[in-house]
């Protein structure tokens, strides 16, 4: 296994995506986290497809920014991400970093279903994000 996972990016949306930024950010997260993973597929979806996926897996009939599956699939929805970044008043780049950290933590089994777990995950996200600066 290589130092970093193989990172495959599939852009199924009509939006141009910062592929190099995504790959470099994921590699930096793995270098900080010091865990191995064989491969990651980063799939960029239009809002309609993300909504369908979110409904199928989480029974929530709305689109979302990110969905992560332990098999190594991370789904992003840029149209929702752009709206959320504006709403939170943070840069798109900073929000993508946060979401990529969030997604990688899910790959390693971290969850935020319970308040205790959410606090632990948020603390770890903050630490990793500080290291990415």
N, C-alpha and C. Protein backbone atom coordinates (compact mmCIF):
# COMPACT_ATOMS: atom_id res chain seq x y z
N UNK A 1 0.85 -1.18 0.00
CA UNK A 1 0.00 0.00 0.00
C UNK A 1 0.89 1.24 0.00
N UNK A 2 0.54 2.21 -0.80
CA UNK A 2 1.32 3.44 -0.87
C UNK A 2 1.06 4.31 0.35
N UNK A 3 1.85 5.36 0.49
CA UNK A 3 1.70 6.28 1.61
C UNK A 3 0.32 6.92 1.62
N UNK A 4 -0.15 7.31 0.45
CA UNK A 4 -1.47 7.92 0.33
C UNK A 4 -2.39 6.97 -0.42
N UNK A 5 -3.70 7.09 -0.16
CA UNK A 5 -4.61 6.25 -0.94
C UNK A 5 -4.66 6.72 -2.39
N UNK A 6 -5.01 5.81 -3.25
CA UNK A 6 -5.29 6.21 -4.62
C UNK A 6 -6.56 7.06 -4.56
N UNK A 7 -6.55 8.20 -5.21
CA UNK A 7 -7.69 9.11 -5.17
C UNK A 7 -8.25 9.25 -6.58
N UNK A 8 -9.47 8.75 -6.75
CA UNK A 8 -10.15 8.82 -8.04
C UNK A 8 -11.26 9.86 -7.93
N UNK A 9 -11.32 10.75 -8.88
CA UNK A 9 -12.33 11.81 -8.84
C UNK A 9 -13.22 11.71 -10.07
N UNK A 10 -14.52 11.63 -9.82
CA UNK A 10 -15.52 11.54 -10.88
C UNK A 10 -16.45 12.74 -10.77
N UNK A 11 -16.38 13.63 -11.71
CA UNK A 11 -17.24 14.81 -11.69
C UNK A 11 -18.44 14.56 -12.59
N UNK A 12 -19.57 14.27 -11.97
CA UNK A 12 -20.81 14.02 -12.70
C UNK A 12 -21.70 15.26 -12.74
N UNK A 13 -21.19 16.35 -12.20
CA UNK A 13 -21.94 17.61 -12.23
C UNK A 13 -21.47 18.43 -13.44
N UNK A 14 -22.14 19.52 -13.68
CA UNK A 14 -21.75 20.39 -14.80
C UNK A 14 -20.74 21.45 -14.36
N UNK A 15 -20.40 21.46 -13.10
CA UNK A 15 -19.49 22.48 -12.57
C UNK A 15 -18.03 22.04 -12.65
N UNK A 16 -17.18 22.98 -12.97
CA UNK A 16 -15.74 22.71 -12.99
C UNK A 16 -15.28 22.60 -11.54
N UNK A 17 -14.50 21.57 -11.25
CA UNK A 17 -14.08 21.31 -9.87
C UNK A 17 -12.57 21.43 -9.73
N UNK A 18 -12.11 21.85 -8.54
CA UNK A 18 -10.67 21.99 -8.28
C UNK A 18 -10.03 20.63 -7.95
N UNK A 19 -9.88 19.80 -8.94
CA UNK A 19 -9.42 18.42 -8.76
C UNK A 19 -8.07 18.36 -8.04
N UNK A 20 -7.12 19.17 -8.48
CA UNK A 20 -5.79 19.16 -7.86
C UNK A 20 -5.89 19.54 -6.39
N UNK A 21 -6.68 20.55 -6.07
CA UNK A 21 -6.90 20.98 -4.69
C UNK A 21 -7.48 19.84 -3.85
N UNK A 22 -8.48 19.14 -4.40
CA UNK A 22 -9.08 18.02 -3.69
C UNK A 22 -8.05 16.94 -3.38
N UNK A 23 -7.29 16.54 -4.39
CA UNK A 23 -6.28 15.49 -4.20
C UNK A 23 -5.23 15.90 -3.18
N UNK A 24 -4.71 17.10 -3.32
CA UNK A 24 -3.68 17.57 -2.39
C UNK A 24 -4.21 17.67 -0.96
N UNK A 25 -5.44 18.13 -0.81
CA UNK A 25 -6.03 18.26 0.52
C UNK A 25 -6.21 16.88 1.16
N UNK A 26 -6.72 15.93 0.41
CA UNK A 26 -6.91 14.57 0.94
C UNK A 26 -5.56 13.97 1.31
N UNK A 27 -4.55 14.15 0.48
CA UNK A 27 -3.21 13.64 0.81
C UNK A 27 -2.68 14.27 2.08
N UNK A 28 -2.88 15.57 2.25
CA UNK A 28 -2.42 16.25 3.46
C UNK A 28 -3.17 15.75 4.69
N UNK A 29 -4.46 15.49 4.56
CA UNK A 29 -5.24 14.96 5.68
C UNK A 29 -4.67 13.60 6.09
N UNK A 30 -4.38 12.76 5.11
CA UNK A 30 -3.82 11.44 5.42
C UNK A 30 -2.43 11.54 6.04
N UNK A 31 -1.63 12.50 5.63
CA UNK A 31 -0.30 12.64 6.21
C UNK A 31 -0.39 13.10 7.67
N UNK A 32 -1.40 13.89 8.00
CA UNK A 32 -1.62 14.33 9.38
C UNK A 32 -2.20 13.19 10.20
N UNK A 33 -3.16 12.50 9.64
CA UNK A 33 -3.90 11.46 10.35
C UNK A 33 -3.08 10.19 10.55
N UNK A 34 -2.13 9.96 9.66
CA UNK A 34 -1.23 8.80 9.72
C UNK A 34 -1.97 7.46 9.74
N UNK A 35 -2.98 7.37 8.91
CA UNK A 35 -3.69 6.10 8.71
C UNK A 35 -3.66 5.78 7.23
N UNK A 36 -3.84 4.52 6.93
CA UNK A 36 -3.81 4.09 5.53
C UNK A 36 -5.21 3.71 5.06
N UNK A 37 -5.40 3.86 3.78
CA UNK A 37 -6.66 3.49 3.14
C UNK A 37 -6.31 3.16 1.70
N UNK A 38 -6.83 2.08 1.15
CA UNK A 38 -6.40 1.67 -0.20
C UNK A 38 -6.76 2.66 -1.30
N UNK A 39 -8.00 3.11 -1.34
CA UNK A 39 -8.43 4.01 -2.42
C UNK A 39 -9.65 4.80 -1.97
N UNK A 40 -9.75 5.99 -2.51
CA UNK A 40 -10.90 6.85 -2.25
C UNK A 40 -11.46 7.30 -3.59
N UNK A 41 -12.78 7.19 -3.70
CA UNK A 41 -13.47 7.74 -4.87
C UNK A 41 -14.22 8.97 -4.40
N UNK A 42 -13.90 10.10 -5.00
CA UNK A 42 -14.58 11.35 -4.72
C UNK A 42 -15.52 11.59 -5.89
N UNK A 43 -16.82 11.51 -5.62
CA UNK A 43 -17.81 11.62 -6.68
C UNK A 43 -18.58 12.93 -6.51
N UNK A 44 -18.56 13.74 -7.54
CA UNK A 44 -19.21 15.05 -7.52
C UNK A 44 -20.56 14.90 -8.22
N UNK A 45 -21.63 15.20 -7.49
CA UNK A 45 -22.98 14.98 -8.02
C UNK A 45 -23.79 16.26 -8.16
N UNK A 46 -24.70 16.29 -9.13
CA UNK A 46 -25.70 17.36 -9.18
C UNK A 46 -26.67 17.20 -8.01
N UNK A 47 -27.37 18.25 -7.70
CA UNK A 47 -28.26 18.27 -6.54
C UNK A 47 -29.34 17.18 -6.59
N UNK A 48 -29.93 16.96 -7.73
CA UNK A 48 -31.00 15.96 -7.87
C UNK A 48 -30.50 14.56 -7.51
N UNK A 49 -29.32 14.20 -7.99
CA UNK A 49 -28.76 12.88 -7.71
C UNK A 49 -28.36 12.75 -6.24
N UNK A 50 -27.82 13.83 -5.66
CA UNK A 50 -27.45 13.79 -4.25
C UNK A 50 -28.69 13.63 -3.38
N UNK A 51 -29.76 14.30 -3.75
CA UNK A 51 -31.02 14.19 -3.01
C UNK A 51 -31.51 12.74 -3.04
N UNK A 52 -31.46 12.11 -4.20
CA UNK A 52 -31.90 10.72 -4.34
C UNK A 52 -31.03 9.78 -3.49
N UNK A 53 -29.74 10.00 -3.51
CA UNK A 53 -28.81 9.18 -2.73
C UNK A 53 -29.06 9.37 -1.22
N UNK A 54 -29.27 10.60 -0.82
CA UNK A 54 -29.53 10.91 0.58
C UNK A 54 -30.85 10.28 1.04
N UNK A 55 -31.83 10.29 0.17
CA UNK A 55 -33.11 9.67 0.51
C UNK A 55 -32.96 8.15 0.63
N UNK A 56 -32.26 7.55 -0.32
CA UNK A 56 -32.09 6.10 -0.33
C UNK A 56 -31.35 5.60 0.92
N UNK A 57 -30.26 6.27 1.29
CA UNK A 57 -29.41 5.80 2.39
C UNK A 57 -29.78 6.35 3.76
N UNK A 58 -30.30 7.59 3.79
CA UNK A 58 -30.55 8.21 5.09
C UNK A 58 -32.02 8.56 5.30
N UNK A 59 -32.85 8.28 4.31
CA UNK A 59 -34.29 8.55 4.38
C UNK A 59 -34.58 10.02 4.65
N UNK A 60 -33.73 10.88 4.09
CA UNK A 60 -33.93 12.33 4.18
C UNK A 60 -34.17 12.83 2.76
N UNK A 61 -35.34 13.40 2.55
CA UNK A 61 -35.75 13.81 1.20
C UNK A 61 -35.26 15.22 0.87
N UNK A 62 -33.95 15.39 0.96
CA UNK A 62 -33.32 16.66 0.60
C UNK A 62 -31.88 16.38 0.22
N UNK A 63 -31.32 17.31 -0.51
CA UNK A 63 -29.92 17.18 -0.89
C UNK A 63 -29.05 17.51 0.31
N UNK A 64 -27.77 17.18 0.23
CA UNK A 64 -26.84 17.45 1.32
C UNK A 64 -25.47 17.78 0.72
N UNK A 65 -24.59 18.28 1.54
CA UNK A 65 -23.26 18.66 1.06
C UNK A 65 -22.39 17.45 0.79
N UNK A 66 -22.45 16.46 1.67
CA UNK A 66 -21.52 15.33 1.60
C UNK A 66 -22.17 14.06 2.14
N UNK A 67 -21.85 12.96 1.51
CA UNK A 67 -22.18 11.62 2.01
C UNK A 67 -20.92 10.79 1.89
N UNK A 68 -20.63 10.01 2.92
CA UNK A 68 -19.42 9.19 2.94
C UNK A 68 -19.80 7.76 3.25
N UNK A 69 -19.16 6.83 2.55
CA UNK A 69 -19.37 5.41 2.77
C UNK A 69 -18.04 4.75 3.07
N UNK A 70 -18.02 3.87 4.06
CA UNK A 70 -16.78 3.26 4.54
C UNK A 70 -15.98 2.54 3.46
N UNK A 71 -16.62 2.18 2.37
CA UNK A 71 -15.93 1.51 1.27
C UNK A 71 -14.94 2.45 0.58
N UNK A 72 -15.01 3.75 0.92
CA UNK A 72 -14.09 4.71 0.34
C UNK A 72 -14.72 5.70 -0.61
N UNK A 73 -16.05 5.71 -0.66
CA UNK A 73 -16.75 6.65 -1.54
C UNK A 73 -17.17 7.89 -0.77
N UNK A 74 -16.77 9.04 -1.28
CA UNK A 74 -17.18 10.33 -0.72
C UNK A 74 -17.91 11.08 -1.83
N UNK A 75 -19.17 11.41 -1.58
CA UNK A 75 -19.99 12.14 -2.54
C UNK A 75 -20.10 13.60 -2.11
N UNK A 76 -19.86 14.51 -3.02
CA UNK A 76 -20.00 15.94 -2.77
C UNK A 76 -21.03 16.53 -3.73
N UNK A 77 -21.75 17.53 -3.25
CA UNK A 77 -22.72 18.23 -4.10
C UNK A 77 -22.37 19.71 -4.13
N UNK A 78 -21.67 20.17 -5.18
CA UNK A 78 -21.18 21.55 -5.21
C UNK A 78 -22.26 22.62 -5.10
N UNK A 79 -23.43 22.40 -5.68
CA UNK A 79 -24.46 23.44 -5.61
C UNK A 79 -24.91 23.66 -4.17
N UNK A 80 -25.04 22.60 -3.40
CA UNK A 80 -25.42 22.72 -1.99
C UNK A 80 -24.25 23.29 -1.18
N UNK A 81 -23.05 22.87 -1.52
CA UNK A 81 -21.85 23.35 -0.82
C UNK A 81 -21.70 24.86 -1.01
N UNK A 82 -21.91 25.34 -2.21
CA UNK A 82 -21.81 26.78 -2.48
C UNK A 82 -22.83 27.56 -1.66
N UNK A 83 -24.07 27.07 -1.62
CA UNK A 83 -25.12 27.72 -0.82
C UNK A 83 -24.76 27.75 0.65
N UNK A 84 -24.28 26.61 1.17
CA UNK A 84 -23.93 26.52 2.59
C UNK A 84 -22.73 27.40 2.94
N UNK A 85 -21.75 27.46 2.07
CA UNK A 85 -20.57 28.31 2.32
C UNK A 85 -21.00 29.78 2.42
N UNK A 86 -21.88 30.20 1.52
CA UNK A 86 -22.39 31.58 1.57
C UNK A 86 -23.17 31.82 2.85
N UNK A 87 -24.02 30.86 3.21
CA UNK A 87 -24.83 30.98 4.43
C UNK A 87 -23.95 31.07 5.67
N UNK A 88 -22.88 30.29 5.71
CA UNK A 88 -21.96 30.28 6.86
C UNK A 88 -20.94 31.41 6.80
N UNK A 89 -20.92 32.11 5.67
CA UNK A 89 -19.98 33.22 5.45
C UNK A 89 -18.53 32.77 5.56
N UNK A 90 -18.23 31.65 4.91
CA UNK A 90 -16.85 31.17 4.83
C UNK A 90 -16.50 30.94 3.36
N UNK A 91 -15.22 30.94 3.08
CA UNK A 91 -14.80 30.76 1.68
C UNK A 91 -15.14 29.35 1.22
N UNK A 92 -15.31 29.22 -0.07
CA UNK A 92 -15.60 27.92 -0.66
C UNK A 92 -14.44 26.96 -0.40
N UNK A 93 -13.22 27.44 -0.53
CA UNK A 93 -12.04 26.60 -0.28
C UNK A 93 -12.02 26.09 1.16
N UNK A 94 -12.29 26.96 2.12
CA UNK A 94 -12.31 26.56 3.53
C UNK A 94 -13.41 25.53 3.79
N UNK A 95 -14.55 25.71 3.14
CA UNK A 95 -15.66 24.77 3.36
C UNK A 95 -15.36 23.42 2.72
N UNK A 96 -14.75 23.43 1.53
CA UNK A 96 -14.35 22.16 0.92
C UNK A 96 -13.35 21.43 1.82
N UNK A 97 -12.39 22.16 2.40
CA UNK A 97 -11.43 21.53 3.31
C UNK A 97 -12.15 20.88 4.48
N UNK A 98 -13.07 21.62 5.09
CA UNK A 98 -13.82 21.08 6.23
C UNK A 98 -14.56 19.82 5.82
N UNK A 99 -15.23 19.85 4.68
CA UNK A 99 -16.00 18.69 4.23
C UNK A 99 -15.10 17.49 3.92
N UNK A 100 -13.94 17.74 3.34
CA UNK A 100 -13.02 16.63 3.05
C UNK A 100 -12.49 16.02 4.34
N UNK A 101 -12.16 16.86 5.32
CA UNK A 101 -11.74 16.33 6.63
C UNK A 101 -12.88 15.52 7.23
N UNK A 102 -14.07 16.07 7.20
CA UNK A 102 -15.27 15.40 7.72
C UNK A 102 -15.47 14.03 7.06
N UNK A 103 -15.37 14.02 5.75
CA UNK A 103 -15.55 12.77 5.01
C UNK A 103 -14.50 11.73 5.34
N UNK A 104 -13.24 12.14 5.43
CA UNK A 104 -12.17 11.20 5.76
C UNK A 104 -12.36 10.65 7.17
N UNK A 105 -12.79 11.49 8.11
CA UNK A 105 -13.04 10.99 9.47
C UNK A 105 -14.15 9.94 9.47
N UNK A 106 -15.17 10.15 8.65
CA UNK A 106 -16.22 9.12 8.52
C UNK A 106 -15.64 7.81 7.97
N UNK A 107 -14.69 7.91 7.05
CA UNK A 107 -14.06 6.69 6.51
C UNK A 107 -13.42 5.86 7.62
N UNK A 108 -12.91 6.55 8.63
CA UNK A 108 -12.25 5.87 9.74
C UNK A 108 -13.19 5.55 10.89
N UNK A 109 -14.49 5.69 10.65
CA UNK A 109 -15.47 5.24 11.63
C UNK A 109 -15.98 6.29 12.59
N UNK A 110 -15.53 7.52 12.46
CA UNK A 110 -16.05 8.57 13.34
C UNK A 110 -17.47 8.92 12.91
N UNK A 111 -18.32 9.19 13.90
CA UNK A 111 -19.71 9.55 13.63
C UNK A 111 -20.09 10.76 14.47
N UNK A 112 -21.26 11.29 14.20
CA UNK A 112 -21.76 12.42 14.98
C UNK A 112 -23.24 12.23 15.30
N UNK A 113 -23.64 10.96 15.43
CA UNK A 113 -25.04 10.66 15.74
C UNK A 113 -25.39 11.03 17.18
N UNK A 114 -24.44 10.83 18.08
CA UNK A 114 -24.64 11.17 19.50
C UNK A 114 -23.84 12.42 19.81
N UNK A 115 -24.31 13.22 20.77
CA UNK A 115 -23.66 14.47 21.12
C UNK A 115 -22.19 14.26 21.50
N UNK A 116 -21.91 13.23 22.28
CA UNK A 116 -20.54 12.94 22.71
C UNK A 116 -19.64 12.67 21.50
N UNK A 117 -20.14 11.87 20.57
CA UNK A 117 -19.38 11.55 19.36
C UNK A 117 -19.21 12.78 18.47
N UNK A 118 -20.25 13.60 18.39
CA UNK A 118 -20.20 14.81 17.57
C UNK A 118 -19.13 15.76 18.09
N UNK A 119 -19.06 15.92 19.41
CA UNK A 119 -18.06 16.82 20.01
C UNK A 119 -16.65 16.30 19.74
N UNK A 120 -16.48 14.99 19.87
CA UNK A 120 -15.17 14.38 19.61
C UNK A 120 -14.76 14.59 18.15
N UNK A 121 -15.71 14.38 17.25
CA UNK A 121 -15.43 14.53 15.82
C UNK A 121 -15.13 15.99 15.47
N UNK A 122 -15.90 16.91 16.03
CA UNK A 122 -15.68 18.34 15.76
C UNK A 122 -14.32 18.79 16.27
N UNK A 123 -13.90 18.30 17.43
CA UNK A 123 -12.59 18.65 17.98
C UNK A 123 -11.48 18.15 17.06
N UNK A 124 -11.62 16.91 16.60
CA UNK A 124 -10.63 16.34 15.69
C UNK A 124 -10.61 17.09 14.36
N UNK A 125 -11.79 17.45 13.86
CA UNK A 125 -11.86 18.25 12.62
C UNK A 125 -11.10 19.56 12.79
N UNK A 126 -11.32 20.23 13.91
CA UNK A 126 -10.64 21.51 14.17
C UNK A 126 -9.13 21.34 14.21
N UNK A 127 -8.67 20.30 14.88
CA UNK A 127 -7.22 20.06 14.98
C UNK A 127 -6.61 19.81 13.60
N UNK A 128 -7.28 18.99 12.81
CA UNK A 128 -6.77 18.68 11.47
C UNK A 128 -6.80 19.93 10.60
N UNK A 129 -7.88 20.70 10.66
CA UNK A 129 -7.98 21.92 9.86
C UNK A 129 -6.88 22.92 10.23
N UNK A 130 -6.56 23.03 11.50
CA UNK A 130 -5.47 23.92 11.93
C UNK A 130 -4.14 23.46 11.33
N UNK A 131 -3.96 22.16 11.22
CA UNK A 131 -2.73 21.62 10.64
C UNK A 131 -2.66 21.83 9.13
N UNK A 132 -3.80 22.03 8.49
CA UNK A 132 -3.84 22.22 7.04
C UNK A 132 -3.56 23.66 6.62
N UNK A 133 -3.52 24.57 7.59
CA UNK A 133 -3.30 25.99 7.27
C UNK A 133 -1.91 26.21 6.73
